Amino acid sequence: MEHVLTGGNVAAAVVRVGDTVRKPVTPATPAVEALLNHLDGFPGAPRHLGRDDQGRQVLEYIPGTVGDLPETNHELHRVGRLIRDLHDALQDFSPPPDARWHVVIPPDREDLVCHHDLAPWNLVRAHNRWVFIDWDGAGPGSRLWDLAYAAQSFVSMTRTSDPHTDAPRLRALADGYGLDDHQRAELPEHIGAHTRGMYDLLRTSKEEPWTRLYAEGHADHWGPAADYVERHLDVWRTALR
């Protein structure tokens, strides 16, 4: 029996069948499957299990909670460590020569294939592992670009936030990742640029689901969030020293 999985803004017709998830195939699916095959055995990503008789992508279903913001600095440190382990596991991944990706916000550079949507809504907290799901937007990027989006979303840097609360949370995430001094100096600007890039995507895209999300008011979150991050760059720099 199929059970529709709800909660995503982008992927359509995603269902659970027993201990598996079935997703429609897109032009990027073969490249994503190669990436997940490379990560087979890494506990922070779901296993790719092939295609079903309808041609859908089949993935391991991870039972657990999704969408919870880290409540403590210890949890943020764990998220940072998980992202570092993920990036290290991807460092030697060689994409297929005909790989097609679906990266919607241009990254700062392309030296690593990244997830590009590391956020609470894509983190399953299972009883024995934390797993990043929804790899449809994976593609070339960089460690800091991927981490910048995670920082904004997991720290929850929004227009209603308090920078004096967010600063130690950002530090915990960066410490968990193990950023060096140069990366710490660069991260705040990357957070601002990536957050602004999300707002610009919603504001200018003529494609679905972005036009629908814009009509639903999502840009009203991302624009002020970008303003907030950019307004307090000195606070983030000080926290990361």
Foldseek 3Di string as FASTA:
>chain_A
DWDADDDDAAFPDWTDDVQKIWGADDLQVVQVLLQLVLCVVPQAAWHWDQADPVRTTITGHADADFQDADPDLVVLLVLLLSLLVVQVSFQPDDTDPPHDAAALFDAPDFRTWDQNQQARRQWGDHPVGIYGDDSRHIGGYDSLLSVLNHLCHRLVQWLPDDLVSSLLSSQSSCVSNPDDLVSQQPNLVSNLVNLVSVLVSLVDDPDPPSVVCVVVPPSVTSVRSSVRSVVPSVSNSVSND
